[in-house]
């Protein structure tokens, strides 16, 4: 049995995009209003979902930037440098050679 990809894995993001673009996803029927609990707000749920997607997009972009920073440091032969955050403030995974 194949393991499911981790959330930060590119295969996970690709499989989600593939699911949302598939015909199967569009065949899921819309629920009836009676199926929702009282006090349900579609606008709040949509806002939360948008925030989650935005956070995932930002996280993906930052991870790509960190990789670029570390690859560039490696290309410059800075073997004792590693970057984990872009803001440059103290972080336990940041270290740099002079």
N, C-alpha and C. Protein backbone atom coordinates (compact mmCIF):
# COMPACT_ATOMS: atom_id res chain seq x y z
N UNK A 1 0.84 -1.18 0.00
CA UNK A 1 0.00 0.00 0.00
C UNK A 1 0.89 1.25 0.00
N UNK A 2 0.60 2.17 -0.89
CA UNK A 2 1.40 3.38 -1.01
C UNK A 2 1.06 4.35 0.12
N UNK A 3 2.10 4.95 0.71
CA UNK A 3 1.89 5.93 1.77
C UNK A 3 1.35 7.21 1.18
N UNK A 4 0.51 7.88 1.94
CA UNK A 4 0.02 9.18 1.52
C UNK A 4 1.13 10.19 1.66
N UNK A 5 1.22 11.14 0.73
CA UNK A 5 2.26 12.16 0.85
C UNK A 5 2.02 13.09 2.03
N UNK A 6 3.10 13.62 2.58
CA UNK A 6 3.00 14.58 3.68
C UNK A 6 2.38 15.88 3.18
N UNK A 7 1.85 16.69 4.09
CA UNK A 7 1.15 17.92 3.72
C UNK A 7 2.06 18.89 2.97
N UNK A 8 3.34 18.96 3.33
CA UNK A 8 4.25 19.89 2.68
C UNK A 8 4.90 19.30 1.43
N UNK A 9 4.60 18.05 1.13
CA UNK A 9 5.15 17.39 -0.05
C UNK A 9 4.48 17.94 -1.31
N UNK A 10 5.26 18.15 -2.34
CA UNK A 10 4.70 18.66 -3.60
C UNK A 10 3.68 17.69 -4.20
N UNK A 11 3.87 16.38 -3.97
CA UNK A 11 2.91 15.40 -4.49
C UNK A 11 1.54 15.61 -3.83
N UNK A 12 1.52 16.01 -2.56
CA UNK A 12 0.27 16.28 -1.86
C UNK A 12 -0.45 17.45 -2.52
N UNK A 13 0.29 18.52 -2.75
CA UNK A 13 -0.31 19.71 -3.36
C UNK A 13 -0.78 19.39 -4.78
N UNK A 14 0.00 18.60 -5.52
CA UNK A 14 -0.40 18.21 -6.87
C UNK A 14 -1.65 17.35 -6.85
N UNK A 15 -1.72 16.40 -5.89
CA UNK A 15 -2.89 15.52 -5.82
C UNK A 15 -4.14 16.31 -5.44
N UNK A 16 -4.00 17.33 -4.57
CA UNK A 16 -5.16 18.17 -4.25
C UNK A 16 -5.63 18.94 -5.47
N UNK A 17 -4.68 19.52 -6.19
CA UNK A 17 -5.04 20.28 -7.40
C UNK A 17 -5.70 19.35 -8.41
N UNK A 18 -5.17 18.14 -8.55
CA UNK A 18 -5.73 17.17 -9.49
C UNK A 18 -7.16 16.79 -9.07
N UNK A 19 -7.39 16.63 -7.76
CA UNK A 19 -8.73 16.31 -7.26
C UNK A 19 -9.71 17.43 -7.55
N UNK A 20 -9.32 18.67 -7.25
CA UNK A 20 -10.24 19.80 -7.44
C UNK A 20 -10.53 20.06 -8.91
N UNK A 21 -9.60 19.70 -9.79
CA UNK A 21 -9.81 19.90 -11.22
C UNK A 21 -10.54 18.73 -11.87
N UNK A 22 -10.72 17.63 -11.13
CA UNK A 22 -11.31 16.43 -11.74
C UNK A 22 -12.83 16.54 -11.86
N UNK A 23 -13.37 15.73 -12.75
CA UNK A 23 -14.82 15.67 -12.93
C UNK A 23 -15.50 15.08 -11.69
N UNK A 24 -14.80 14.18 -11.01
CA UNK A 24 -15.36 13.55 -9.82
C UNK A 24 -15.71 14.58 -8.76
N UNK A 25 -14.83 15.56 -8.57
CA UNK A 25 -15.08 16.61 -7.57
C UNK A 25 -16.33 17.41 -7.92
N UNK A 26 -16.52 17.67 -9.20
CA UNK A 26 -17.67 18.48 -9.63
C UNK A 26 -18.97 17.69 -9.63
N UNK A 27 -18.90 16.35 -9.46
CA UNK A 27 -20.10 15.53 -9.41
C UNK A 27 -20.65 15.40 -7.99
N UNK A 28 -19.93 15.91 -7.01
CA UNK A 28 -20.40 15.84 -5.63
C UNK A 28 -21.60 16.77 -5.50
N UNK A 29 -22.75 16.24 -5.05
CA UNK A 29 -23.94 17.09 -4.99
C UNK A 29 -23.84 18.14 -3.88
N UNK A 30 -24.46 19.27 -4.10
CA UNK A 30 -24.52 20.29 -3.07
C UNK A 30 -25.48 19.83 -1.98
N UNK A 31 -25.11 19.98 -0.72
CA UNK A 31 -26.00 19.55 0.37
C UNK A 31 -27.21 20.47 0.48
N UNK A 32 -28.27 19.92 1.00
CA UNK A 32 -29.47 20.70 1.25
C UNK A 32 -29.27 21.54 2.51
N UNK A 33 -29.95 22.65 2.60
CA UNK A 33 -29.79 23.56 3.74
C UNK A 33 -30.18 22.87 5.05
N UNK A 34 -31.07 21.90 4.99
CA UNK A 34 -31.49 21.19 6.21
C UNK A 34 -30.37 20.31 6.77
N UNK A 35 -29.37 20.00 5.94
CA UNK A 35 -28.28 19.14 6.39
C UNK A 35 -27.28 19.86 7.28
N UNK A 36 -27.32 21.18 7.29
CA UNK A 36 -26.36 21.95 8.07
C UNK A 36 -26.87 22.20 9.49
N UNK A 37 -25.96 22.26 10.46
CA UNK A 37 -26.38 22.56 11.83
C UNK A 37 -26.87 24.00 11.94
N UNK A 38 -27.68 24.26 12.94
CA UNK A 38 -28.14 25.63 13.14
C UNK A 38 -26.95 26.51 13.49
N UNK A 39 -26.98 27.73 13.04
CA UNK A 39 -25.88 28.65 13.27
C UNK A 39 -24.76 28.52 12.26
N UNK A 40 -24.95 27.68 11.25
CA UNK A 40 -23.94 27.49 10.22
C UNK A 40 -23.87 28.73 9.34
N UNK A 41 -22.68 29.20 9.08
CA UNK A 41 -22.50 30.36 8.22
C UNK A 41 -21.55 29.99 7.09
N UNK A 42 -22.08 29.93 5.88
CA UNK A 42 -21.25 29.57 4.73
C UNK A 42 -20.14 30.60 4.52
N UNK A 43 -20.45 31.86 4.77
CA UNK A 43 -19.44 32.90 4.60
C UNK A 43 -18.25 32.68 5.53
N UNK A 44 -18.52 32.30 6.79
CA UNK A 44 -17.43 32.04 7.74
C UNK A 44 -16.60 30.84 7.32
N UNK A 45 -17.27 29.81 6.83
CA UNK A 45 -16.55 28.61 6.40
C UNK A 45 -15.69 28.94 5.18
N UNK A 46 -16.24 29.69 4.25
CA UNK A 46 -15.47 30.09 3.06
C UNK A 46 -14.27 30.94 3.47
N UNK A 47 -14.48 31.85 4.40
CA UNK A 47 -13.39 32.71 4.86
C UNK A 47 -12.28 31.89 5.51
N UNK A 48 -12.67 30.91 6.35
CA UNK A 48 -11.68 30.04 6.98
C UNK A 48 -10.93 29.23 5.94
N UNK A 49 -11.66 28.69 4.95
CA UNK A 49 -11.02 27.90 3.89
C UNK A 49 -10.06 28.76 3.08
N UNK A 50 -10.45 29.99 2.78
CA UNK A 50 -9.56 30.89 2.04
C UNK A 50 -8.31 31.20 2.85
N UNK A 51 -8.45 31.38 4.16
CA UNK A 51 -7.29 31.64 5.00
C UNK A 51 -6.35 30.43 5.04
N UNK A 52 -6.92 29.23 5.10
CA UNK A 52 -6.10 28.03 5.10
C UNK A 52 -5.34 27.91 3.78
N UNK A 53 -6.03 28.14 2.66
CA UNK A 53 -5.38 28.07 1.35
C UNK A 53 -4.31 29.14 1.21
N UNK A 54 -4.59 30.34 1.70
CA UNK A 54 -3.61 31.42 1.65
C UNK A 54 -2.38 31.07 2.49
N UNK A 55 -2.61 30.53 3.69
CA UNK A 55 -1.48 30.13 4.54
C UNK A 55 -0.65 29.04 3.88
N UNK A 56 -1.31 28.07 3.23
CA UNK A 56 -0.57 27.02 2.53
C UNK A 56 0.26 27.61 1.39
N UNK A 57 -0.32 28.57 0.66
CA UNK A 57 0.39 29.19 -0.46
C UNK A 57 1.61 29.97 0.06
N UNK A 58 1.43 30.71 1.13
CA UNK A 58 2.54 31.46 1.72
C UNK A 58 3.62 30.50 2.22
N UNK A 59 3.21 29.44 2.90
CA UNK A 59 4.15 28.45 3.42
C UNK A 59 4.94 27.82 2.28
N UNK A 60 4.26 27.46 1.20
CA UNK A 60 4.94 26.86 0.05
C UNK A 60 5.94 27.84 -0.54
N UNK A 61 5.54 29.11 -0.69
CA UNK A 61 6.42 30.13 -1.26
C UNK A 61 7.64 30.35 -0.37
N UNK A 62 7.43 30.43 0.94
CA UNK A 62 8.55 30.63 1.85
C UNK A 62 9.51 29.45 1.82
N UNK A 63 8.97 28.23 1.80
CA UNK A 63 9.84 27.05 1.75
C UNK A 63 10.66 27.04 0.47
N UNK A 64 10.07 27.44 -0.64
CA UNK A 64 10.81 27.52 -1.90
C UNK A 64 11.91 28.59 -1.80
N UNK A 65 11.60 29.71 -1.15
CA UNK A 65 12.59 30.78 -0.98
C UNK A 65 13.74 30.32 -0.07
N UNK A 66 13.42 29.59 1.02
CA UNK A 66 14.47 29.09 1.91
C UNK A 66 15.39 28.13 1.15
N UNK A 67 14.79 27.29 0.33
CA UNK A 67 15.58 26.36 -0.47
C UNK A 67 16.49 27.13 -1.41
N UNK A 68 15.97 28.16 -2.05
CA UNK A 68 16.79 28.98 -2.95
C UNK A 68 17.93 29.65 -2.19
N UNK A 69 17.65 30.17 -0.99
CA UNK A 69 18.70 30.80 -0.18
C UNK A 69 19.78 29.78 0.17
N UNK A 70 19.39 28.58 0.58
CA UNK A 70 20.37 27.57 0.97
C UNK A 70 21.14 27.04 -0.24
N UNK A 71 20.46 26.90 -1.39
CA UNK A 71 21.15 26.47 -2.60
C UNK A 71 22.17 27.51 -3.04
N UNK A 72 21.80 28.79 -2.94
CA UNK A 72 22.72 29.87 -3.31
C UNK A 72 23.92 29.89 -2.36
N UNK A 73 23.66 29.69 -1.07
CA UNK A 73 24.77 29.63 -0.11
C UNK A 73 25.70 28.47 -0.44
N UNK A 74 25.13 27.33 -0.84
CA UNK A 74 25.95 26.20 -1.23
C UNK A 74 26.76 26.48 -2.48
N UNK A 75 26.15 27.18 -3.44
CA UNK A 75 26.87 27.52 -4.68
C UNK A 75 28.01 28.50 -4.40
N UNK A 76 27.87 29.30 -3.36
CA UNK A 76 28.92 30.25 -2.97
C UNK A 76 29.94 29.61 -2.02
N UNK A 77 29.85 28.29 -1.83
CA UNK A 77 30.74 27.51 -0.97
C UNK A 77 30.63 27.91 0.50
N UNK A 78 29.48 28.37 0.92
CA UNK A 78 29.25 28.68 2.34
C UNK A 78 28.69 27.42 2.99
N UNK A 79 29.59 26.47 3.25
CA UNK A 79 29.16 25.15 3.72
C UNK A 79 28.64 25.14 5.15
N UNK A 80 28.97 26.17 5.90
CA UNK A 80 28.50 26.24 7.29
C UNK A 80 27.40 27.27 7.45
N UNK A 81 26.59 27.44 6.42
CA UNK A 81 25.47 28.38 6.49
C UNK A 81 24.18 27.65 6.19
N UNK A 82 23.16 27.98 6.94
CA UNK A 82 21.83 27.41 6.70
C UNK A 82 20.81 28.45 7.11
N UNK A 83 19.81 28.60 6.28
CA UNK A 83 18.77 29.61 6.52
C UNK A 83 17.42 28.92 6.69
N UNK A 84 16.68 29.32 7.72
CA UNK A 84 15.37 28.73 8.00
C UNK A 84 14.26 29.77 8.00
N UNK A 85 14.62 31.03 8.07
CA UNK A 85 13.63 32.12 8.04
C UNK A 85 14.17 33.23 7.15
N UNK A 86 13.27 33.97 6.54
CA UNK A 86 13.68 35.03 5.61
C UNK A 86 13.89 36.37 6.29
N UNK A 87 13.34 36.56 7.49
CA UNK A 87 13.39 37.88 8.11
C UNK A 87 14.75 38.20 8.74
N UNK A 88 15.62 37.22 8.90
CA UNK A 88 16.96 37.47 9.40
C UNK A 88 17.06 37.59 10.91
N UNK A 89 15.95 37.48 11.61
CA UNK A 89 16.00 37.55 13.07
C UNK A 89 16.46 36.20 13.62
N UNK A 90 16.74 36.16 14.90
CA UNK A 90 17.26 34.96 15.54
C UNK A 90 16.28 33.80 15.38
N UNK A 91 16.84 32.67 14.94
CA UNK A 91 16.07 31.43 14.82
C UNK A 91 17.04 30.29 15.07
N UNK A 92 16.61 29.26 15.78
CA UNK A 92 17.52 28.20 16.18
C UNK A 92 18.07 27.39 15.01
N UNK A 93 17.44 27.43 13.82
CA UNK A 93 17.94 26.70 12.67
C UNK A 93 18.78 27.58 11.73
N UNK A 94 18.93 28.85 12.07
CA UNK A 94 19.78 29.74 11.26
C UNK A 94 21.20 29.70 11.80
N UNK A 95 22.15 29.48 10.91
CA UNK A 95 23.55 29.63 11.26
C UNK A 95 24.29 30.03 10.00
N UNK A 96 25.37 30.73 10.20
CA UNK A 96 26.09 31.28 9.05
C UNK A 96 27.58 31.32 9.34
N UNK A 97 28.34 31.05 8.28
CA UNK A 97 29.79 31.19 8.40
C UNK A 97 30.20 32.57 7.93
N UNK A 98 31.28 33.06 8.46
CA UNK A 98 31.74 34.41 8.11
C UNK A 98 32.56 34.39 6.85
